[in-house]
Amino acid sequence: MKEEEIVTKIKEMIEKMRPYLNMDGGDIEFIKYEENYVYIKLSGTCSNCLYQDNTINEGLLQMFQSEIPEIAGIINVDL
């Protein structure tokens, strides 16, 4: 899969996830895709959540990798 296709797919998947995070007062923003890593920014209640690592590594990462095996990991950035 080309990098442009991967970025498009990532953005589509984030839009599908957003309502679930919004229900708990959180949000997710795509920052970039670089060297097989997805950079995101969690905000709202998600930014301070004790389960943030679980959400990223067990939820988001598994979901991304199921559709885009090239993804090696997700990095939450503080901007």
Protein backbone atom coordinates (compact mmCIF):
# COMPACT_ATOMS: atom_id res chain seq x y z
CA MET A 1 0.00 0.00 0.00
CA LYS A 2 1.33 3.46 -0.91
CA GLU A 3 1.90 6.02 1.83
CA GLU A 4 -0.90 8.27 0.51
CA GLU A 5 -3.32 5.33 0.64
CA ILE A 6 -2.24 4.51 4.19
CA VAL A 7 -2.78 8.11 5.34
CA THR A 8 -6.23 8.18 3.73
CA LYS A 9 -7.17 4.90 5.42
CA ILE A 10 -5.86 6.12 8.80
CA LYS A 11 -7.94 9.29 8.54
CA GLU A 12 -11.05 7.28 7.63
CA MET A 13 -10.54 4.96 10.59
CA ILE A 14 -10.03 7.89 12.97
CA GLU A 15 -13.32 9.41 11.80
CA LYS A 16 -15.06 6.11 12.62
CA MET A 17 -13.47 6.05 16.11
CA ARG A 18 -14.09 9.69 16.96
CA PRO A 19 -17.77 9.33 18.03
CA TYR A 20 -16.82 6.68 20.61
CA LEU A 21 -14.16 8.90 22.14
CA ASN A 22 -16.51 11.91 21.99
CA MET A 23 -19.11 9.99 24.03
CA ASP A 24 -16.61 9.93 26.91
CA GLY A 25 -15.61 13.58 26.46
CA GLY A 26 -12.44 12.87 24.51
CA ASP A 27 -11.21 13.34 20.98
CA ILE A 28 -8.47 12.19 18.61
CA GLU A 29 -6.57 14.11 15.97
CA PHE A 30 -4.34 12.71 13.22
CA ILE A 31 -0.95 14.46 13.19
CA LYS A 32 1.14 12.47 10.69
CA TYR A 33 2.24 9.07 9.44
CA GLU A 34 6.00 8.60 9.34
CA GLU A 35 8.25 5.53 9.15
CA ASN A 36 5.33 3.16 9.86
CA TYR A 37 4.20 5.08 12.96
CA VAL A 38 0.93 6.94 13.34
CA TYR A 39 1.20 10.17 15.30
CA ILE A 40 -2.00 11.27 17.01
CA LYS A 41 -3.07 13.73 19.67
CA LEU A 42 -5.62 12.65 22.24
CA SER A 43 -7.52 15.53 23.79
CA GLY A 44 -10.34 16.22 26.22
CA THR A 45 -10.80 13.56 28.89
CA CYS A 46 -8.59 11.20 26.85
CA SER A 47 -5.55 13.42 27.35
CA ASN A 48 -5.48 12.77 31.13
CA CYS A 49 -7.06 9.32 31.22
CA LEU A 50 -5.36 6.63 33.30
CA TYR A 51 -6.22 4.12 30.56
CA GLN A 52 -4.70 6.14 27.74
CA ASP A 53 -1.93 3.58 27.09
CA ASN A 54 -4.49 0.77 26.99
CA THR A 55 -6.67 2.71 24.56
CA ILE A 56 -3.71 3.34 22.29
CA ASN A 57 -1.94 -0.03 22.45
CA GLU A 58 -4.80 -2.46 22.89
CA GLY A 59 -7.59 -0.63 21.10
CA LEU A 60 -6.37 1.74 18.45
CA LEU A 61 -3.19 -0.10 17.47
CA GLN A 62 -4.95 -3.44 17.04
CA MET A 63 -7.68 -1.82 14.99
CA PHE A 64 -5.20 -0.01 12.74
CA GLN A 65 -3.01 -3.09 12.28
CA SER A 66 -5.99 -5.25 11.36
CA GLU A 67 -6.52 -3.09 8.27
CA ILE A 68 -3.01 -1.67 7.75
CA PRO A 69 -0.37 -4.27 8.75
CA GLU A 70 2.45 -1.84 7.89
CA ILE A 71 1.74 0.20 11.03
CA ALA A 72 4.38 -0.51 13.69
CA GLY A 73 2.93 1.66 16.44
CA ILE A 74 1.02 4.72 17.55
CA ILE A 75 2.61 7.72 19.22
CA ASN A 76 0.50 10.20 21.17
CA VAL A 77 2.06 13.65 20.92
CA ASP A 78 1.57 16.62 23.20
CA LEU A 79 1.38 19.80 21.14
